[in-house]
Amino acid sequence: MTVSPSLIVKEARTWIGTPYVHQMAARGAGTDCLGLVRGVWRALFGSEPELPPAYSMDWSEPQGEEQLWGAASRHLHPKQLNTLAVGDVILFRMREGSIAKHLGIQAGIGAAPSFVHAYSGHGVVESPMSEPWARRAVARFQFPDVEAD
């Protein structure tokens, strides 16, 4: 089954307003950033290819392991970081020198780039891809079986 980038964004936007709840992935009830991507995957492709292990808020930071990056690489298609496309999954490093542990879905490009993400203290929101956020982006992925709109 193929999906369009606009369908990915449409599904991600249905999650806006969902409260932030660590380790959850239930639209309307609670989710974190990984849960948002998992929920979009389930809505568009069916069952998830891999269930994540229990994870703490520091997401393997003490060990220095890029577990989220590894999981994204196993199930999504890596892209060049500077090739923005609607529907891409973006991986962020929240602090320089730390592991990458935040995800979002590119919702807008061009004059008003934006992304949908679950953010602690805010829930699921669509945020402008401001310079501080763009600076934190370290990897970009495409869902499998995406066809152009």
Protein backbone atom coordinates (compact mmCIF):
# COMPACT_ATOMS: atom_id res chain seq x y z
CA MET A 1 0.00 0.00 0.00
CA THR A 2 1.32 3.45 -0.85
CA VAL A 3 0.44 6.66 0.97
CA SER A 4 0.79 10.29 -0.01
CA PRO A 5 2.76 12.84 2.02
CA SER A 6 -0.38 14.93 2.46
CA LEU A 7 -2.17 11.93 4.01
CA ILE A 8 0.69 11.54 6.52
CA VAL A 9 0.34 15.20 7.53
CA LYS A 10 -3.45 14.98 7.65
CA GLU A 11 -3.21 12.03 10.04
CA ALA A 12 -0.54 13.74 12.17
CA ARG A 13 -2.74 16.83 12.50
CA THR A 14 -5.62 14.70 13.85
CA TRP A 15 -3.40 14.17 16.90
CA ILE A 16 -3.10 17.92 17.66
CA GLY A 17 -4.44 18.59 21.14
CA THR A 18 -3.59 15.12 22.44
CA PRO A 19 -1.96 15.57 25.86
CA TYR A 20 1.70 14.70 26.36
CA VAL A 21 1.98 11.41 28.25
CA HIS A 22 5.34 9.64 28.36
CA GLN A 23 5.37 6.23 26.57
CA MET A 24 1.76 6.47 25.37
CA ALA A 25 0.54 6.34 21.77
CA ALA A 26 -3.23 6.93 21.92
CA ARG A 27 -4.74 9.80 19.95
CA GLY A 28 -6.86 11.99 22.18
CA ALA A 29 -5.76 10.21 25.38
CA GLY A 30 -2.00 10.75 25.51
CA THR A 31 1.22 10.42 23.57
CA ASP A 32 4.86 11.35 23.47
CA CYS A 33 6.82 12.17 20.30
CA LEU A 34 7.56 8.52 19.52
CA GLY A 35 3.94 7.61 20.21
CA LEU A 36 2.81 10.20 17.65
CA VAL A 37 4.96 8.62 14.93
CA ARG A 38 3.83 5.15 16.01
CA GLY A 39 0.19 6.23 15.89
CA VAL A 40 0.54 7.73 12.40
CA TRP A 41 2.24 4.49 11.28
CA ARG A 42 -0.64 2.38 12.65
CA ALA A 43 -3.27 4.58 11.00
CA LEU A 44 -1.60 4.40 7.60
CA PHE A 45 0.16 1.03 7.49
CA GLY A 46 -1.48 -1.17 10.13
CA SER A 47 0.44 -2.89 12.89
CA GLU A 48 3.76 -1.48 14.00
CA PRO A 49 6.91 -3.23 12.76
CA GLU A 50 8.48 -3.15 16.23
CA LEU A 51 7.21 -2.27 19.68
CA PRO A 52 9.60 -0.09 21.63
CA PRO A 53 10.98 -1.31 24.93
CA ALA A 54 10.13 0.66 28.06
CA TYR A 55 12.17 3.84 27.96
CA SER A 56 12.92 6.60 30.39
CA MET A 57 12.69 10.33 29.76
CA ASP A 58 16.46 10.42 29.20
CA TRP A 59 16.10 7.78 26.42
CA SER A 60 19.42 5.94 26.91
CA GLU A 61 21.38 9.17 27.32
CA PRO A 62 23.50 7.83 30.21
CA GLN A 63 24.72 5.02 27.93
CA GLY A 64 25.25 7.36 24.97
CA GLU A 65 23.31 5.00 22.67
CA GLU A 66 21.38 6.41 19.70
CA GLN A 67 18.51 3.93 20.15
CA LEU A 68 15.84 6.17 18.61
CA TRP A 69 18.03 6.85 15.57
CA GLY A 70 18.67 3.12 15.21
CA ALA A 71 14.97 2.27 15.33
CA ALA A 72 14.16 4.99 12.79
CA SER A 73 16.87 3.63 10.49
CA ARG A 74 15.43 0.12 10.71
CA HIS A 75 11.89 1.08 9.65
CA LEU A 76 12.05 4.40 7.81
CA HIS A 77 14.06 5.47 4.77
CA PRO A 78 16.96 7.82 5.62
CA LYS A 79 17.14 11.05 3.61
CA GLN A 80 19.54 13.94 3.29
CA LEU A 81 18.86 16.36 6.14
CA ASN A 82 18.49 19.32 3.76
CA THR A 83 15.90 17.65 1.48
CA LEU A 84 12.71 18.82 3.18
CA ALA A 85 9.48 17.17 2.12
CA VAL A 86 6.02 17.16 3.65
CA GLY A 87 5.44 13.97 5.63
CA ASP A 88 9.10 13.43 6.58
CA VAL A 89 9.98 12.26 10.07
CA ILE A 90 12.56 14.56 11.64
CA LEU A 91 14.90 13.49 14.43
CA PHE A 92 16.15 16.20 16.81
CA ARG A 93 19.03 16.44 19.26
CA MET A 94 17.70 18.65 22.05
CA ARG A 95 21.15 19.63 23.36
CA GLU A 96 24.51 19.68 21.62
CA GLY A 97 26.47 16.58 22.53
CA SER A 98 23.42 14.64 23.73
CA ILE A 99 21.71 11.76 21.99
CA ALA A 100 18.86 12.45 19.54
CA LYS A 101 15.59 11.82 21.35
CA HIS A 102 12.81 13.93 19.84
CA LEU A 103 10.72 13.30 16.72
CA GLY A 104 8.36 15.36 14.59
CA ILE A 105 6.57 15.11 11.25
CA GLN A 106 7.19 17.80 8.62
CA ALA A 107 3.83 19.48 7.96
CA GLY A 108 4.73 22.58 5.95
CA ILE A 109 7.62 23.61 3.73
CA GLY A 110 8.47 26.74 1.78
CA ALA A 111 7.73 30.15 3.28
CA ALA A 112 6.20 28.71 6.48
CA PRO A 113 7.91 25.43 7.36
CA SER A 114 6.30 23.63 10.28
CA PHE A 115 6.19 20.25 11.98
CA VAL A 116 3.79 18.31 14.20
CA HIS A 117 5.24 16.87 17.40
CA ALA A 118 4.33 15.87 20.95
CA TYR A 119 6.14 18.19 23.30
CA SER A 120 6.33 17.84 27.08
CA GLY A 121 4.16 20.48 28.73
CA HIS A 122 2.33 21.28 25.47
CA GLY A 123 0.92 18.03 24.07
CA VAL A 124 0.72 17.54 20.32
CA VAL A 125 1.16 20.84 18.52
CA GLU A 126 2.20 22.14 15.12
CA SER A 127 5.24 24.35 15.57
CA PRO A 128 7.07 26.62 13.14
CA MET A 129 10.39 25.15 12.02
CA SER A 130 12.17 28.12 13.59
CA GLU A 131 15.95 28.47 13.58
CA PRO A 132 16.31 26.96 17.08
CA TRP A 133 14.37 23.86 15.97
CA ALA A 134 16.11 23.63 12.59
CA ARG A 135 19.48 23.78 14.37
CA ARG A 136 18.49 20.77 16.49
CA ALA A 137 17.47 18.58 13.52
CA VAL A 138 20.06 15.85 12.93
CA ALA A 139 18.33 13.32 10.68
CA ARG A 140 15.40 13.08 8.30
CA PHE A 141 13.47 9.98 7.25
CA GLN A 142 10.62 9.07 4.91
CA PHE A 143 7.88 6.61 5.76
CA PRO A 144 7.99 3.51 3.53
CA ASP A 145 5.82 3.35 0.42
CA VAL A 146 5.30 7.09 0.07
CA GLU A 147 4.23 8.37 -3.34
CA ALA A 148 4.17 11.97 -4.47
CA ASP A 149 0.91 13.92 -4.13
